[in-house]
C-alpha atoms as a PDB file:
ATOM      1  CA  UNK A   1    -170.646 207.837  -6.472  1.00  0.00           C
ATOM      2  CA  UNK A   2    -172.569 204.918  -4.961  1.00  0.00           C
ATOM      3  CA  UNK A   3    -169.969 204.378  -2.226  1.00  0.00           C
ATOM      4  CA  UNK A   4    -169.722 208.059  -1.376  1.00  0.00           C
ATOM      5  CA  UNK A   5    -173.525 208.298  -1.061  1.00  0.00           C
ATOM      6  CA  UNK A   6    -173.692 205.488   1.472  1.00  0.00           C
ATOM      7  CA  UNK A   7    -170.678 206.705   3.416  1.00  0.00           C
ATOM      8  CA  UNK A   8    -172.526 209.879   4.422  1.00  0.00           C
ATOM      9  CA  UNK A   9    -174.833 208.753   7.219  1.00  0.00           C
ATOM     10  CA  UNK A  10    -176.821 211.994   7.395  1.00  0.00           C
ATOM     11  CA  UNK A  11    -177.542 211.983   3.665  1.00  0.00           C
ATOM     12  CA  UNK A  12    -178.708 208.370   3.764  1.00  0.00           C
ATOM     13  CA  UNK A  13    -180.998 209.031   6.725  1.00  0.00           C
ATOM     14  CA  UNK A  14    -182.424 212.179   5.130  1.00  0.00           C
ATOM     15  CA  UNK A  15    -183.020 210.362   1.846  1.00  0.00           C
ATOM     16  CA  UNK A  16    -184.797 207.489   3.570  1.00  0.00           C
ATOM     17  CA  UNK A  17    -186.895 209.935   5.581  1.00  0.00           C
ATOM     18  CA  UNK A  18    -187.921 211.924   2.505  1.00  0.00           C
ATOM     19  CA  UNK A  19    -188.788 208.816   0.484  1.00  0.00           C
ATOM     20  CA  UNK A  20    -190.839 207.317   3.319  1.00  0.00           C
ATOM     21  CA  UNK A  21    -192.508 210.653   4.035  1.00  0.00           C
ATOM     22  CA  UNK A  22    -193.546 210.910   0.373  1.00  0.00           C
ATOM     23  CA  UNK A  23    -194.770 207.294   0.278  1.00  0.00           C
ATOM     24  CA  UNK A  24    -196.813 207.563   3.461  1.00  0.00           C
ATOM     25  CA  UNK A  25    -198.045 211.040   2.513  1.00  0.00           C
ATOM     26  CA  UNK A  26    -199.377 209.719  -0.790  1.00  0.00           C
ATOM     27  CA  UNK A  27    -200.859 206.711   0.985  1.00  0.00           C
ATOM     28  CA  UNK A  28    -202.627 209.036   3.428  1.00  0.00           C
ATOM     29  CA  UNK A  29    -204.045 211.079   0.549  1.00  0.00           C
ATOM     30  CA  UNK A  30    -205.185 208.019  -1.417  1.00  0.00           C
ATOM     31  CA  UNK A  31    -206.549 205.924   1.463  1.00  0.00           C
ATOM     32  CA  UNK A  32    -207.031 207.938   4.681  1.00  0.00           C
ATOM     33  CA  UNK A  33    -207.710 205.841   7.785  1.00  0.00           C
ATOM     34  CA  UNK A  34    -209.615 208.526   9.705  1.00  0.00           C
ATOM     35  CA  UNK A  35    -211.390 211.833   9.229  1.00  0.00           C
ATOM     36  CA  UNK A  36    -209.031 214.758   9.160  1.00  0.00           C
ATOM     37  CA  UNK A  37    -209.300 217.095  12.143  1.00  0.00           C
ATOM     38  CA  UNK A  38    -206.612 219.503  10.892  1.00  0.00           C
ATOM     39  CA  UNK A  39    -205.502 220.359   7.385  1.00  0.00           C
ATOM     40  CA  UNK A  40    -202.764 218.027   6.186  1.00  0.00           C
ATOM     41  CA  UNK A  41    -200.454 220.940   5.437  1.00  0.00           C
ATOM     42  CA  UNK A  42    -200.523 222.123   9.076  1.00  0.00           C
ATOM     43  CA  UNK A  43    -200.034 218.608  10.434  1.00  0.00           C
ATOM     44  CA  UNK A  44    -197.205 217.852   8.000  1.00  0.00           C
ATOM     45  CA  UNK A  45    -195.408 221.122   8.793  1.00  0.00           C
ATOM     46  CA  UNK A  46    -195.754 220.369  12.519  1.00  0.00           C
ATOM     47  CA  UNK A  47    -194.420 216.821  12.082  1.00  0.00           C
ATOM     48  CA  UNK A  48    -191.502 217.922   9.919  1.00  0.00           C
ATOM     49  CA  UNK A  49    -190.678 220.693  12.420  1.00  0.00           C
ATOM     50  CA  UNK A  50    -190.666 218.227  15.307  1.00  0.00           C
ATOM     51  CA  UNK A  51    -188.451 215.902  13.284  1.00  0.00           C
ATOM     52  CA  UNK A  52    -186.032 218.737  12.485  1.00  0.00           C
ATOM     53  CA  UNK A  53    -185.813 219.789  16.138  1.00  0.00           C
ATOM     54  CA  UNK A  54    -185.250 216.154  17.102  1.00  0.00           C
ATOM     55  CA  UNK A  55    -182.424 215.751  14.575  1.00  0.00           C
ATOM     56  CA  UNK A  56    -180.727 218.974  15.661  1.00  0.00           C
ATOM     57  CA  UNK A  57    -180.997 218.098  19.353  1.00  0.00           C
ATOM     58  CA  UNK A  58    -179.801 214.569  18.753  1.00  0.00           C
ATOM     59  CA  UNK A  59    -176.852 215.571  16.573  1.00  0.00           C
ATOM     60  CA  UNK A  60    -175.684 218.357  18.904  1.00  0.00           C
ATOM     61  CA  UNK A  61    -176.677 217.540  22.464  1.00  0.00           C
ATOM     62  CA  UNK A  62    -176.479 213.761  22.721  1.00  0.00           C
ATOM     63  CA  UNK A  63    -172.836 213.271  21.691  1.00  0.00           C
ATOM     64  CA  UNK A  64    -171.619 216.027  23.992  1.00  0.00           C
ATOM     65  CA  UNK A  65    -173.702 214.780  26.921  1.00  0.00           C
ATOM     66  CA  UNK A  66    -172.602 211.179  26.428  1.00  0.00           C
ATOM     67  CA  UNK A  67    -168.945 212.157  26.237  1.00  0.00           C
ATOM     68  CA  UNK A  68    -169.157 214.219  29.437  1.00  0.00           C
ATOM     69  CA  UNK A  69    -171.027 211.492  31.346  1.00  0.00           C
ATOM     70  CA  UNK A  70    -168.664 208.757  30.121  1.00  0.00           C
ATOM     71  CA  UNK A  71    -165.615 210.835  31.050  1.00  0.00           C
ATOM     72  CA  UNK A  72    -166.922 211.533  34.528  1.00  0.00           C
ATOM     73  CA  UNK A  73    -167.871 207.882  35.042  1.00  0.00           C
ATOM     74  CA  UNK A  74    -164.375 206.789  34.025  1.00  0.00           C
ATOM     75  CA  UNK A  75    -162.697 209.347  36.284  1.00  0.00           C
ATOM     76  CA  UNK A  76    -164.939 208.369  39.207  1.00  0.00           C
ATOM     77  CA  UNK A  77    -164.503 204.664  38.475  1.00  0.00           C
ATOM     78  CA  UNK A  78    -168.256 204.076  38.389  1.00  0.00           C
ATOM     79  CA  UNK A  79    -170.333 202.172  35.914  1.00  0.00           C
ATOM     80  CA  UNK A  80    -170.730 198.520  35.062  1.00  0.00           C
ATOM     81  CA  UNK A  81    -167.809 198.285  32.658  1.00  0.00           C
ATOM     82  CA  UNK A  82    -165.489 200.183  35.005  1.00  0.00           C
ATOM     83  CA  UNK A  83    -166.081 197.621  37.776  1.00  0.00           C
ATOM     84  CA  UNK A  84    -164.618 194.675  35.867  1.00  0.00           C
ATOM     85  CA  UNK A  85    -161.342 194.358  33.996  1.00  0.00           C
ATOM     86  CA  UNK A  86    -162.012 193.580  30.341  1.00  0.00           C
ATOM     87  CA  UNK A  87    -160.129 194.121  27.105  1.00  0.00           C
ATOM     88  CA  UNK A  88    -161.102 197.413  25.457  1.00  0.00           C
ATOM     89  CA  UNK A  89    -162.614 195.705  22.395  1.00  0.00           C
ATOM     90  CA  UNK A  90    -164.856 193.509  24.536  1.00  0.00           C
ATOM     91  CA  UNK A  91    -165.911 196.503  26.645  1.00  0.00           C
ATOM     92  CA  UNK A  92    -166.902 198.388  23.496  1.00  0.00           C
ATOM     93  CA  UNK A  93    -168.906 195.433  22.156  1.00  0.00           C
ATOM     94  CA  UNK A  94    -170.725 194.977  25.479  1.00  0.00           C
ATOM     95  CA  UNK A  95    -171.416 198.728  25.742  1.00  0.00           C
ATOM     96  CA  UNK A  96    -172.854 198.894  22.214  1.00  0.00           C
ATOM     97  CA  UNK A  97    -175.039 195.823  22.810  1.00  0.00           C
ATOM     98  CA  UNK A  98    -176.332 197.169  26.142  1.00  0.00           C
ATOM     99  CA  UNK A  99    -177.089 200.583  24.649  1.00  0.00           C
ATOM    100  CA  UNK A 100    -178.861 198.945  21.714  1.00  0.00           C
ATOM    101  CA  UNK A 101    -180.888 196.810  24.141  1.00  0.00           C
ATOM    102  CA  UNK A 102    -181.815 199.939  26.120  1.00  0.00           C
ATOM    103  CA  UNK A 103    -183.029 201.669  22.941  1.00  0.00           C
ATOM    104  CA  UNK A 104    -185.077 198.597  22.004  1.00  0.00           C
ATOM    105  CA  UNK A 105    -186.665 198.444  25.476  1.00  0.00           C
ATOM    106  CA  UNK A 106    -187.478 202.168  25.237  1.00  0.00           C
ATOM    107  CA  UNK A 107    -189.090 201.563  21.846  1.00  0.00           C
ATOM    108  CA  UNK A 108    -191.248 198.736  23.240  1.00  0.00           C
ATOM    109  CA  UNK A 109    -192.270 200.853  26.238  1.00  0.00           C
ATOM    110  CA  UNK A 110    -193.300 203.714  23.946  1.00  0.00           C
ATOM    111  CA  UNK A 111    -195.638 201.324  22.153  1.00  0.00           C
ATOM    112  CA  UNK A 112    -197.051 199.789  25.350  1.00  0.00           C
ATOM    113  CA  UNK A 113    -197.556 202.941  27.451  1.00  0.00           C
ATOM    114  CA  UNK A 114    -200.219 205.031  25.736  1.00  0.00           C
ATOM    115  CA  UNK A 115    -199.252 208.535  26.923  1.00  0.00           C
ATOM    116  CA  UNK A 116    -195.667 208.100  25.658  1.00  0.00           C
END
């Protein structure tokens, strides 16, 4: 049971989201940090809706787009890892690290640039 729960990535992510949403929701009710401008119910429904749209778009569009772009890059012999001859395992490790670095940089930029 325990192993099957943690093998399902979507279930783990959903569980973490729901637990954190409940914790922060209760925290907001108990100790609000600002005056409410909208009813909590409207704001929470809006935030959950945005999260749902984000999950659907991410789960459906991103993998397909990445596969198409990667396939075209390989066929056209473009891209950093197509320019140098490396073992496949090393190419995968470098690609994962570079993509992770790009996500981290995006995260930092979102915190630094106010309108993002």
